[in-house]
């Protein structure tokens, strides 16, 4: 049988202020009480899994949960800055409503070219792809035949999942990633990739 790496890809738990759509980006926002509880509830979903390693974004909303899950699974999380959410520069921390009011031209420009548009002082989706996928590919190669936990962000996870199914980055928002959802991706040594679970 072709050896594979199975990645259990998690989005972080709910953050403070989650009721208002906003771009947090690299801002180190806190988890809500519900977000912390979501991580603890997730532990039972790993019953029977043999997790060999855990990699996490270094931002608190991911790293805190990776510690909770890693402790349960007996693995020490490796903080990986390449797994950070997309940096949105001058938009950091602002709600969508604020952005549409304060930066209407930039807002429309981003919607018109979601892949390449770069917010001033921030990153484009293509930039994020260029730092995330080498990190994921390295994890996959390092853990052939093993199961790995990766804790990251909505935007980052979408990029990983689109890559896995061979879909264009322009389809970024065709994939849902709810707080603390689980995705499972199998990476085979012959290059085949199978998404076993999406937004579960």
N, C-alpha and C. Protein backbone atom coordinates (compact mmCIF):
# COMPACT_ATOMS: atom_id res chain seq x y z
N UNK A 1 0.84 -1.19 0.00
CA UNK A 1 0.00 0.00 0.00
C UNK A 1 0.88 1.25 0.00
N UNK A 2 0.47 2.24 -0.77
CA UNK A 2 1.25 3.48 -0.85
C UNK A 2 1.24 4.20 0.50
N UNK A 3 2.42 4.50 1.08
CA UNK A 3 2.44 5.20 2.37
C UNK A 3 1.82 6.58 2.25
N UNK A 4 1.13 6.99 3.30
CA UNK A 4 0.46 8.28 3.26
C UNK A 4 0.71 9.04 4.55
N UNK A 5 0.54 10.34 4.46
CA UNK A 5 0.50 11.20 5.64
C UNK A 5 -0.94 11.65 5.79
N UNK A 6 -1.51 11.46 6.95
CA UNK A 6 -2.86 11.97 7.21
C UNK A 6 -2.76 13.22 8.07
N UNK A 7 -3.28 14.32 7.55
CA UNK A 7 -3.30 15.57 8.31
C UNK A 7 -4.72 15.83 8.83
N UNK A 8 -4.82 15.97 10.13
CA UNK A 8 -6.05 16.41 10.78
C UNK A 8 -5.92 17.93 10.90
N UNK A 9 -6.61 18.65 10.05
CA UNK A 9 -6.48 20.10 9.93
C UNK A 9 -7.62 20.79 10.67
N UNK A 10 -7.28 21.55 11.70
CA UNK A 10 -8.27 22.18 12.56
C UNK A 10 -8.25 23.70 12.37
N UNK A 11 -9.43 24.30 12.37
CA UNK A 11 -9.47 25.76 12.49
C UNK A 11 -9.57 26.09 13.98
N UNK A 12 -8.98 27.20 14.37
CA UNK A 12 -9.01 27.62 15.78
C UNK A 12 -10.44 27.82 16.27
N UNK A 13 -10.58 27.84 17.59
CA UNK A 13 -11.88 28.06 18.22
C UNK A 13 -12.37 29.49 18.07
N UNK A 14 -13.60 29.69 18.50
CA UNK A 14 -14.22 31.01 18.39
C UNK A 14 -13.41 32.06 19.15
N UNK A 15 -13.29 33.25 18.56
CA UNK A 15 -12.53 34.34 19.18
C UNK A 15 -13.48 35.39 19.77
N UNK A 16 -12.94 36.21 20.65
CA UNK A 16 -13.70 37.33 21.20
C UNK A 16 -14.16 38.24 20.06
N UNK A 17 -15.41 38.67 20.13
CA UNK A 17 -15.93 39.56 19.10
C UNK A 17 -16.35 38.85 17.84
N UNK A 18 -16.52 37.52 17.90
CA UNK A 18 -16.82 36.74 16.70
C UNK A 18 -18.16 37.10 16.06
N UNK A 19 -19.04 37.75 16.80
CA UNK A 19 -20.35 38.10 16.25
C UNK A 19 -20.31 39.17 15.18
N UNK A 20 -19.19 39.89 15.08
CA UNK A 20 -19.04 40.96 14.09
C UNK A 20 -17.96 40.55 13.10
N UNK A 21 -18.32 40.37 11.81
CA UNK A 21 -17.30 39.98 10.83
C UNK A 21 -16.18 41.02 10.74
N UNK A 22 -14.94 40.55 10.88
CA UNK A 22 -13.79 41.45 10.82
C UNK A 22 -12.57 40.67 10.37
N UNK A 23 -11.54 41.39 9.98
CA UNK A 23 -10.27 40.78 9.62
C UNK A 23 -9.31 40.93 10.80
N UNK A 24 -9.01 39.82 11.48
CA UNK A 24 -8.06 39.86 12.59
C UNK A 24 -6.62 39.72 12.11
N UNK A 25 -6.43 38.94 11.04
CA UNK A 25 -5.08 38.81 10.49
C UNK A 25 -4.07 38.33 11.51
N UNK A 26 -2.96 39.08 11.65
CA UNK A 26 -1.90 38.72 12.59
C UNK A 26 -2.16 39.25 13.99
N UNK A 27 -3.25 39.98 14.19
CA UNK A 27 -3.59 40.48 15.53
C UNK A 27 -3.83 39.29 16.46
N UNK A 28 -3.23 39.32 17.63
CA UNK A 28 -3.31 38.18 18.55
C UNK A 28 -4.57 38.26 19.41
N UNK A 29 -5.71 38.04 18.81
CA UNK A 29 -6.98 38.14 19.53
C UNK A 29 -7.16 36.97 20.48
N UNK A 30 -7.97 37.19 21.51
CA UNK A 30 -8.22 36.17 22.52
C UNK A 30 -9.33 35.22 22.07
N UNK A 31 -9.31 34.04 22.62
CA UNK A 31 -10.41 33.10 22.43
C UNK A 31 -11.56 33.48 23.35
N UNK A 32 -12.78 33.27 22.88
CA UNK A 32 -13.94 33.44 23.74
C UNK A 32 -14.05 32.23 24.66
N UNK A 33 -14.91 32.32 25.65
CA UNK A 33 -15.14 31.18 26.54
C UNK A 33 -15.63 29.97 25.73
N UNK A 34 -16.49 30.25 24.75
CA UNK A 34 -16.99 29.18 23.88
C UNK A 34 -15.86 28.58 23.06
N UNK A 35 -14.95 29.43 22.59
CA UNK A 35 -13.83 28.95 21.79
C UNK A 35 -12.94 28.00 22.57
N UNK A 36 -12.70 28.30 23.84
CA UNK A 36 -11.89 27.40 24.68
C UNK A 36 -12.62 26.08 24.89
N UNK A 37 -13.92 26.17 25.12
CA UNK A 37 -14.71 24.95 25.31
C UNK A 37 -14.73 24.09 24.06
N UNK A 38 -14.73 24.72 22.90
CA UNK A 38 -14.73 23.98 21.64
C UNK A 38 -13.49 23.10 21.51
N UNK A 39 -12.35 23.63 21.92
CA UNK A 39 -11.12 22.83 21.86
C UNK A 39 -11.22 21.61 22.77
N UNK A 40 -11.73 21.79 23.97
CA UNK A 40 -11.86 20.66 24.89
C UNK A 40 -12.84 19.62 24.35
N UNK A 41 -13.92 20.09 23.73
CA UNK A 41 -14.90 19.16 23.16
C UNK A 41 -14.32 18.37 21.99
N UNK A 42 -13.33 18.96 21.34
CA UNK A 42 -12.73 18.32 20.17
C UNK A 42 -11.88 17.10 20.54
N UNK A 43 -11.42 17.05 21.78
CA UNK A 43 -10.51 15.98 22.19
C UNK A 43 -11.07 14.59 21.91
N UNK A 44 -12.36 14.40 22.19
CA UNK A 44 -12.95 13.06 22.03
C UNK A 44 -12.99 12.61 20.56
N UNK A 45 -12.91 13.56 19.63
CA UNK A 45 -12.94 13.20 18.22
C UNK A 45 -11.63 12.55 17.76
N UNK A 46 -10.62 12.61 18.61
CA UNK A 46 -9.34 12.00 18.27
C UNK A 46 -9.18 10.61 18.88
N UNK A 47 -10.22 10.10 19.54
CA UNK A 47 -10.15 8.76 20.10
C UNK A 47 -9.87 7.75 18.99
N UNK A 48 -8.79 7.00 19.14
CA UNK A 48 -8.41 6.02 18.14
C UNK A 48 -7.37 6.53 17.16
N UNK A 49 -7.18 7.84 17.09
CA UNK A 49 -6.17 8.40 16.19
C UNK A 49 -4.78 8.27 16.83
N UNK A 50 -3.79 8.03 16.00
CA UNK A 50 -2.41 7.94 16.48
C UNK A 50 -1.65 9.14 15.97
N UNK A 51 -1.74 10.22 16.67
CA UNK A 51 -1.12 11.48 16.25
C UNK A 51 0.36 11.48 16.63
N UNK A 52 1.21 11.60 15.62
CA UNK A 52 2.66 11.54 15.84
C UNK A 52 3.26 12.91 16.10
N UNK A 53 2.58 13.97 15.64
CA UNK A 53 3.14 15.32 15.78
C UNK A 53 2.02 16.35 15.67
N UNK A 54 2.30 17.54 16.17
CA UNK A 54 1.34 18.65 16.10
C UNK A 54 2.07 19.91 15.69
N UNK A 55 1.52 20.59 14.69
CA UNK A 55 2.06 21.87 14.23
C UNK A 55 0.94 22.91 14.34
N UNK A 56 1.31 24.11 14.75
CA UNK A 56 0.30 25.15 14.95
C UNK A 56 0.82 26.52 14.54
N UNK A 57 -0.09 27.35 14.08
CA UNK A 57 0.21 28.78 13.95
C UNK A 57 0.70 29.27 15.30
N UNK A 58 1.59 30.24 15.29
CA UNK A 58 2.11 30.77 16.55
C UNK A 58 1.18 31.80 17.19
N UNK A 59 0.07 32.13 16.55
CA UNK A 59 -0.88 33.07 17.14
C UNK A 59 -1.68 32.38 18.24
N UNK A 60 -2.02 33.13 19.29
CA UNK A 60 -2.62 32.57 20.50
C UNK A 60 -3.85 31.73 20.24
N UNK A 61 -4.72 32.20 19.33
CA UNK A 61 -5.99 31.51 19.12
C UNK A 61 -5.82 30.10 18.59
N UNK A 62 -4.67 29.83 17.98
CA UNK A 62 -4.34 28.47 17.54
C UNK A 62 -3.46 27.75 18.57
N UNK A 63 -2.42 28.44 19.03
CA UNK A 63 -1.42 27.81 19.90
C UNK A 63 -2.03 27.33 21.21
N UNK A 64 -2.99 28.08 21.77
CA UNK A 64 -3.62 27.67 23.02
C UNK A 64 -4.34 26.33 22.83
N UNK A 65 -5.09 26.22 21.77
CA UNK A 65 -5.81 24.99 21.50
C UNK A 65 -4.89 23.83 21.16
N UNK A 66 -3.79 24.13 20.47
CA UNK A 66 -2.82 23.09 20.15
C UNK A 66 -2.21 22.51 21.42
N UNK A 67 -2.02 23.35 22.43
CA UNK A 67 -1.51 22.87 23.72
C UNK A 67 -2.53 21.94 24.38
N UNK A 68 -3.81 22.32 24.34
CA UNK A 68 -4.88 21.50 24.92
C UNK A 68 -4.94 20.14 24.22
N UNK A 69 -4.98 20.17 22.89
CA UNK A 69 -5.08 18.94 22.12
C UNK A 69 -3.79 18.12 22.19
N UNK A 70 -2.66 18.82 22.12
CA UNK A 70 -1.38 18.13 22.19
C UNK A 70 -1.18 17.41 23.51
N UNK A 71 -1.60 18.04 24.60
CA UNK A 71 -1.50 17.41 25.91
C UNK A 71 -2.34 16.15 25.97
N UNK A 72 -3.53 16.21 25.38
CA UNK A 72 -4.43 15.06 25.34
C UNK A 72 -3.85 13.93 24.50
N UNK A 73 -3.14 14.29 23.44
CA UNK A 73 -2.62 13.30 22.48
C UNK A 73 -1.19 12.88 22.76
N UNK A 74 -0.54 13.54 23.72
CA UNK A 74 0.83 13.17 24.06
C UNK A 74 1.87 13.68 23.09
N UNK A 75 1.59 14.81 22.42
CA UNK A 75 2.56 15.41 21.51
C UNK A 75 2.74 16.89 21.86
N UNK A 76 3.95 17.39 21.69
CA UNK A 76 4.23 18.80 21.98
C UNK A 76 4.05 19.62 20.71
N UNK A 77 3.19 20.64 20.73
CA UNK A 77 2.96 21.45 19.53
C UNK A 77 4.22 22.20 19.09
N UNK A 78 4.42 22.24 17.78
CA UNK A 78 5.52 23.00 17.20
C UNK A 78 4.93 24.28 16.61
N UNK A 79 5.29 25.42 17.19
CA UNK A 79 4.77 26.70 16.70
C UNK A 79 5.44 27.05 15.38
N UNK A 80 4.60 27.29 14.37
CA UNK A 80 5.08 27.44 12.99
C UNK A 80 4.53 28.75 12.41
N UNK A 81 5.33 29.82 12.40
CA UNK A 81 4.84 31.12 11.92
C UNK A 81 4.29 31.08 10.50
N UNK A 82 4.78 30.15 9.68
CA UNK A 82 4.31 30.06 8.29
C UNK A 82 2.82 29.71 8.22
N UNK A 83 2.25 29.20 9.31
CA UNK A 83 0.84 28.83 9.35
C UNK A 83 -0.06 29.96 9.85
N UNK A 84 0.51 31.15 10.04
CA UNK A 84 -0.30 32.30 10.46
C UNK A 84 -1.37 32.65 9.43
N UNK A 85 -2.44 33.27 9.93
CA UNK A 85 -3.47 33.80 9.04
C UNK A 85 -2.87 34.88 8.13
N UNK A 86 -3.58 35.20 7.07
CA UNK A 86 -3.13 36.24 6.15
C UNK A 86 -3.01 37.58 6.89
N UNK A 87 -1.88 38.23 6.75
CA UNK A 87 -1.72 39.57 7.29
C UNK A 87 -2.47 40.57 6.45
N UNK A 88 -3.30 41.40 7.07
CA UNK A 88 -4.11 42.34 6.31
C UNK A 88 -3.72 43.80 6.56
N UNK A 89 -2.48 44.00 7.00
CA UNK A 89 -1.91 45.34 7.05
C UNK A 89 -2.78 46.36 7.76
N UNK A 90 -3.11 47.44 7.05
CA UNK A 90 -3.87 48.54 7.66
C UNK A 90 -5.32 48.16 7.94
N UNK A 91 -5.75 47.00 7.51
CA UNK A 91 -7.11 46.53 7.79
C UNK A 91 -7.18 45.72 9.09
N UNK A 92 -6.06 45.45 9.71
CA UNK A 92 -6.04 44.58 10.90
C UNK A 92 -7.03 45.07 11.96
N UNK A 93 -7.85 44.14 12.43
CA UNK A 93 -8.77 44.42 13.53
C UNK A 93 -10.03 45.17 13.15
N UNK A 94 -10.15 45.59 11.91
CA UNK A 94 -11.32 46.36 11.49
C UNK A 94 -12.45 45.44 11.01
N UNK A 95 -13.67 45.85 11.31
CA UNK A 95 -14.82 45.08 10.86
C UNK A 95 -15.06 45.30 9.37
N UNK A 96 -15.79 44.38 8.76
CA UNK A 96 -16.11 44.53 7.33
C UNK A 96 -16.87 45.82 7.09
N UNK A 97 -17.77 46.15 8.00
CA UNK A 97 -18.57 47.38 7.84
C UNK A 97 -17.67 48.61 7.85
N UNK A 98 -16.69 48.62 8.75
CA UNK A 98 -15.74 49.75 8.82
C UNK A 98 -14.92 49.84 7.54
N UNK A 99 -14.49 48.70 7.02
CA UNK A 99 -13.67 48.69 5.82
C UNK A 99 -14.45 49.19 4.61
N UNK A 100 -15.69 48.76 4.48
CA UNK A 100 -16.51 49.21 3.35
C UNK A 100 -16.75 50.71 3.40
N UNK A 101 -16.79 51.26 4.61
CA UNK A 101 -17.01 52.70 4.76
C UNK A 101 -15.73 53.50 4.58
N UNK A 102 -14.62 53.00 5.16
CA UNK A 102 -13.37 53.75 5.17
C UNK A 102 -12.51 53.53 3.92
N UNK A 103 -12.61 52.34 3.34
CA UNK A 103 -11.78 52.00 2.18
C UNK A 103 -12.63 51.40 1.06
N UNK A 104 -13.63 52.10 0.58
CA UNK A 104 -14.55 51.51 -0.41
C UNK A 104 -13.86 51.07 -1.70
N UNK A 105 -12.91 51.87 -2.18
CA UNK A 105 -12.22 51.51 -3.44
C UNK A 105 -11.36 50.27 -3.25
N UNK A 106 -10.62 50.22 -2.12
CA UNK A 106 -9.77 49.06 -1.85
C UNK A 106 -10.62 47.81 -1.61
N UNK A 107 -11.74 47.97 -0.94
CA UNK A 107 -12.64 46.84 -0.68
C UNK A 107 -13.11 46.23 -2.01
N UNK A 108 -13.52 47.10 -2.93
CA UNK A 108 -13.99 46.62 -4.24
C UNK A 108 -12.85 45.99 -5.04
N UNK A 109 -11.66 46.58 -4.93
CA UNK A 109 -10.51 46.06 -5.66
C UNK A 109 -10.15 44.65 -5.18
N UNK A 110 -10.25 44.42 -3.89
CA UNK A 110 -9.96 43.09 -3.36
C UNK A 110 -11.01 42.08 -3.82
N UNK A 111 -12.26 42.47 -3.79
CA UNK A 111 -13.31 41.57 -4.25
C UNK A 111 -13.14 41.23 -5.74
N UNK A 112 -12.63 42.18 -6.49
CA UNK A 112 -12.44 41.98 -7.94
C UNK A 112 -11.26 41.06 -8.25
N UNK A 113 -10.29 40.98 -7.33
CA UNK A 113 -9.12 40.13 -7.55
C UNK A 113 -8.65 39.56 -6.22
N UNK A 114 -9.42 38.60 -5.71
CA UNK A 114 -9.19 38.05 -4.38
C UNK A 114 -7.83 37.39 -4.25
N UNK A 115 -7.28 36.89 -5.35
CA UNK A 115 -6.03 36.15 -5.29
C UNK A 115 -4.82 37.08 -5.19
N UNK A 116 -4.80 38.12 -5.99
CA UNK A 116 -3.59 38.95 -6.13
C UNK A 116 -3.63 40.27 -5.37
N UNK A 117 -4.82 40.73 -4.97
CA UNK A 117 -4.88 42.04 -4.32
C UNK A 117 -4.19 41.98 -2.96
N UNK A 118 -3.36 42.97 -2.70
CA UNK A 118 -2.62 43.05 -1.44
C UNK A 118 -3.01 44.33 -0.71
N UNK A 119 -3.60 44.18 0.47
CA UNK A 119 -3.92 45.33 1.30
C UNK A 119 -2.62 46.04 1.66
N UNK A 120 -2.59 47.38 1.66
CA UNK A 120 -1.36 48.07 2.04
C UNK A 120 -0.77 47.54 3.36
N UNK A 121 0.51 47.19 3.33
CA UNK A 121 1.26 46.64 4.46
C UNK A 121 0.84 45.21 4.79
N UNK A 122 0.03 44.59 3.93
CA UNK A 122 -0.43 43.23 4.19
C UNK A 122 0.01 42.25 3.12
N UNK A 123 -0.69 41.11 3.06
CA UNK A 123 -0.38 40.04 2.12
C UNK A 123 -1.54 39.81 1.17
N UNK A 124 -1.25 39.22 0.03
CA UNK A 124 -2.29 38.73 -0.86
C UNK A 124 -2.51 37.25 -0.57
N UNK A 125 -3.59 36.70 -1.11
CA UNK A 125 -3.82 35.26 -0.98
C UNK A 125 -2.67 34.48 -1.60
N UNK A 126 -2.14 34.97 -2.71
CA UNK A 126 -1.01 34.31 -3.36
C UNK A 126 0.23 34.32 -2.46
N UNK A 127 0.45 35.43 -1.75
CA UNK A 127 1.56 35.50 -0.80
C UNK A 127 1.42 34.43 0.27
N UNK A 128 0.20 34.29 0.80
CA UNK A 128 -0.03 33.31 1.87
C UNK A 128 0.19 31.89 1.34
N UNK A 129 -0.32 31.63 0.15
CA UNK A 129 -0.10 30.33 -0.48
C UNK A 129 1.40 30.02 -0.58
N UNK A 130 2.19 31.03 -0.91
CA UNK A 130 3.63 30.84 -1.12
C UNK A 130 4.38 30.54 0.18
N UNK A 131 3.82 30.91 1.33
CA UNK A 131 4.49 30.56 2.59
C UNK A 131 3.87 29.34 3.26
N UNK A 132 2.56 29.13 3.06
CA UNK A 132 1.87 28.02 3.73
C UNK A 132 2.18 26.68 3.07
N UNK A 133 2.09 26.60 1.75
CA UNK A 133 2.21 25.29 1.10
C UNK A 133 3.60 24.66 1.24
N UNK A 134 4.71 25.41 1.17
CA UNK A 134 6.00 24.77 1.45
C UNK A 134 6.05 24.18 2.86
N UNK A 135 5.44 24.86 3.83
CA UNK A 135 5.43 24.35 5.20
C UNK A 135 4.62 23.06 5.28
N UNK A 136 3.45 23.03 4.63
CA UNK A 136 2.62 21.82 4.63
C UNK A 136 3.33 20.68 3.91
N UNK A 137 3.93 20.98 2.77
CA UNK A 137 4.65 19.94 2.02
C UNK A 137 5.80 19.36 2.84
N UNK A 138 6.45 20.20 3.60
CA UNK A 138 7.55 19.74 4.47
C UNK A 138 7.01 18.83 5.57
N UNK A 139 5.88 19.20 6.16
CA UNK A 139 5.25 18.38 7.21
C UNK A 139 4.87 17.01 6.63
N UNK A 140 4.28 17.03 5.45
CA UNK A 140 3.86 15.78 4.80
C UNK A 140 5.05 14.85 4.58
N UNK A 141 6.14 15.39 4.05
CA UNK A 141 7.31 14.56 3.76
C UNK A 141 7.98 14.06 5.03
N UNK A 142 7.97 14.89 6.06
CA UNK A 142 8.63 14.53 7.32
C UNK A 142 7.89 13.41 8.06
N UNK A 143 6.59 13.28 7.76
CA UNK A 143 5.77 12.34 8.54
C UNK A 143 5.09 11.30 7.65
N UNK A 144 5.81 10.77 6.69
CA UNK A 144 5.27 9.72 5.83
C UNK A 144 4.82 8.53 6.68
N UNK A 145 3.60 8.07 6.44
CA UNK A 145 3.07 6.93 7.18
C UNK A 145 2.52 7.28 8.54
N UNK A 146 2.43 8.56 8.85
CA UNK A 146 1.98 8.99 10.17
C UNK A 146 0.76 9.91 10.08
N UNK A 147 0.14 10.14 11.23
CA UNK A 147 -0.96 11.08 11.35
C UNK A 147 -0.47 12.32 12.10
N UNK A 148 -0.86 13.48 11.60
CA UNK A 148 -0.36 14.75 12.13
C UNK A 148 -1.54 15.69 12.38
N UNK A 149 -1.46 16.43 13.46
CA UNK A 149 -2.44 17.47 13.76
C UNK A 149 -1.87 18.83 13.36
N UNK A 150 -2.66 19.61 12.60
CA UNK A 150 -2.28 20.98 12.24
C UNK A 150 -3.41 21.91 12.68
N UNK A 151 -3.07 22.92 13.47
CA UNK A 151 -4.06 23.89 13.95
C UNK A 151 -3.75 25.23 13.30
N UNK A 152 -4.69 25.72 12.51
CA UNK A 152 -4.44 26.96 11.76
C UNK A 152 -5.71 27.81 11.67
N UNK A 153 -5.85 28.55 10.59
CA UNK A 153 -6.87 29.59 10.47
C UNK A 153 -7.79 29.34 9.27
N UNK A 154 -8.90 30.05 9.24
CA UNK A 154 -9.86 29.89 8.17
C UNK A 154 -9.26 30.08 6.79
N UNK A 155 -8.55 31.19 6.59
CA UNK A 155 -7.95 31.47 5.29
C UNK A 155 -6.87 30.48 4.93
N UNK A 156 -6.01 30.16 5.88
CA UNK A 156 -4.93 29.21 5.67
C UNK A 156 -5.49 27.83 5.32
N UNK A 157 -6.49 27.39 6.09
CA UNK A 157 -7.08 26.07 5.84
C UNK A 157 -7.70 25.99 4.45
N UNK A 158 -8.37 27.05 4.04
CA UNK A 158 -8.98 27.05 2.71
C UNK A 158 -7.93 26.88 1.61
N UNK A 159 -6.80 27.55 1.78
CA UNK A 159 -5.72 27.43 0.81
C UNK A 159 -5.20 26.00 0.76
N UNK A 160 -5.00 25.38 1.92
CA UNK A 160 -4.53 24.00 1.98
C UNK A 160 -5.53 23.05 1.32
N UNK A 161 -6.81 23.26 1.60
CA UNK A 161 -7.85 22.39 1.05
C UNK A 161 -8.00 22.57 -0.46
N UNK A 162 -7.94 23.81 -0.93
CA UNK A 162 -8.02 24.05 -2.37
C UNK A 162 -6.86 23.37 -3.09
N UNK A 163 -5.68 23.46 -2.50
CA UNK A 163 -4.52 22.79 -3.08
C UNK A 163 -4.73 21.28 -3.13
N UNK A 164 -5.33 20.73 -2.07
CA UNK A 164 -5.53 19.28 -1.99
C UNK A 164 -6.48 18.77 -3.06
N UNK A 165 -7.49 19.57 -3.41
CA UNK A 165 -8.47 19.11 -4.41
C UNK A 165 -8.17 19.66 -5.81
N UNK A 166 -7.09 20.42 -5.92
CA UNK A 166 -6.69 20.94 -7.23
C UNK A 166 -7.56 22.07 -7.74
N UNK A 167 -8.18 22.81 -6.82
CA UNK A 167 -9.06 23.93 -7.20
C UNK A 167 -8.28 25.24 -7.18
N UNK A 168 -8.70 26.22 -7.97
CA UNK A 168 -7.98 27.50 -8.02
C UNK A 168 -8.17 28.31 -6.74
N UNK A 169 -7.20 29.15 -6.45
CA UNK A 169 -7.28 30.02 -5.26
C UNK A 169 -8.46 30.97 -5.33
N UNK A 170 -8.94 31.26 -6.53
CA UNK A 170 -10.09 32.15 -6.67
C UNK A 170 -11.35 31.55 -6.07
N UNK A 171 -11.33 30.25 -5.76
CA UNK A 171 -12.48 29.58 -5.13
C UNK A 171 -12.40 29.60 -3.61
N UNK A 172 -11.57 30.49 -3.07
CA UNK A 172 -11.29 30.54 -1.63
C UNK A 172 -12.56 30.47 -0.78
N UNK A 173 -13.58 31.23 -1.15
CA UNK A 173 -14.77 31.30 -0.31
C UNK A 173 -15.85 30.31 -0.73
N UNK A 174 -15.49 29.34 -1.57
CA UNK A 174 -16.40 28.25 -1.89
C UNK A 174 -16.32 27.15 -0.83
N UNK A 175 -15.38 27.30 0.11
CA UNK A 175 -15.18 26.34 1.19
C UNK A 175 -15.50 27.01 2.51
N UNK A 176 -16.32 26.36 3.33
CA UNK A 176 -16.65 26.89 4.65
C UNK A 176 -15.66 26.32 5.67
N UNK A 177 -15.30 27.15 6.64
CA UNK A 177 -14.46 26.73 7.76
C UNK A 177 -15.00 27.36 9.03
N UNK A 178 -15.83 26.62 9.75
CA UNK A 178 -16.41 27.14 10.98
C UNK A 178 -15.41 26.99 12.13
N UNK A 179 -15.66 27.69 13.22
CA UNK A 179 -14.74 27.65 14.36
C UNK A 179 -14.58 26.22 14.89
N UNK A 180 -13.34 25.82 15.04
CA UNK A 180 -12.94 24.52 15.58
C UNK A 180 -13.42 23.35 14.73
N UNK A 181 -13.63 23.58 13.45
CA UNK A 181 -13.99 22.47 12.56
C UNK A 181 -12.77 21.59 12.31
N UNK A 182 -13.06 20.37 11.85
CA UNK A 182 -12.00 19.43 11.52
C UNK A 182 -12.05 19.08 10.02
N UNK A 183 -10.89 19.03 9.42
CA UNK A 183 -10.72 18.53 8.06
C UNK A 183 -9.70 17.40 8.12
N UNK A 184 -9.85 16.41 7.27
CA UNK A 184 -8.87 15.31 7.20
C UNK A 184 -8.42 15.16 5.75
N UNK A 185 -7.10 15.22 5.55
CA UNK A 185 -6.53 15.10 4.21
C UNK A 185 -5.47 14.01 4.23
N UNK A 186 -5.57 13.09 3.27
CA UNK A 186 -4.56 12.05 3.09
C UNK A 186 -3.65 12.42 1.92
N UNK A 187 -2.35 12.45 2.19
CA UNK A 187 -1.34 12.73 1.16
C UNK A 187 -0.56 11.45 0.90
N UNK A 188 -0.66 10.93 -0.32
CA UNK A 188 0.02 9.69 -0.68
C UNK A 188 1.37 9.99 -1.33
N UNK A 189 2.30 9.04 -1.18
CA UNK A 189 3.66 9.23 -1.69
C UNK A 189 3.70 9.37 -3.22
N UNK A 190 2.67 8.84 -3.91
CA UNK A 190 2.65 8.95 -5.37
C UNK A 190 2.07 10.27 -5.86
N UNK A 191 1.79 11.20 -4.91
CA UNK A 191 1.29 12.52 -5.28
C UNK A 191 -0.22 12.65 -5.20
N UNK A 192 -0.92 11.55 -5.04
CA UNK A 192 -2.38 11.59 -4.91
C UNK A 192 -2.77 12.19 -3.56
N UNK A 193 -3.82 13.00 -3.58
CA UNK A 193 -4.31 13.63 -2.35
C UNK A 193 -5.83 13.41 -2.27
N UNK A 194 -6.30 13.02 -1.10
CA UNK A 194 -7.73 12.77 -0.91
C UNK A 194 -8.22 13.51 0.33
N UNK A 195 -9.25 14.36 0.17
CA UNK A 195 -9.87 15.02 1.31
C UNK A 195 -10.94 14.08 1.86
N UNK A 196 -10.71 13.58 3.07
CA UNK A 196 -11.62 12.60 3.68
C UNK A 196 -12.74 13.25 4.47
N UNK A 197 -12.47 14.47 4.98
CA UNK A 197 -13.47 15.20 5.75
C UNK A 197 -13.27 16.70 5.53
N UNK A 198 -14.36 17.41 5.35
CA UNK A 198 -14.30 18.86 5.13
C UNK A 198 -15.26 19.58 6.07
N UNK A 199 -14.73 20.51 6.86
CA UNK A 199 -15.54 21.33 7.76
C UNK A 199 -16.42 20.48 8.67
N UNK A 200 -15.87 19.37 9.14
CA UNK A 200 -16.62 18.45 9.99
C UNK A 200 -16.66 18.88 11.44
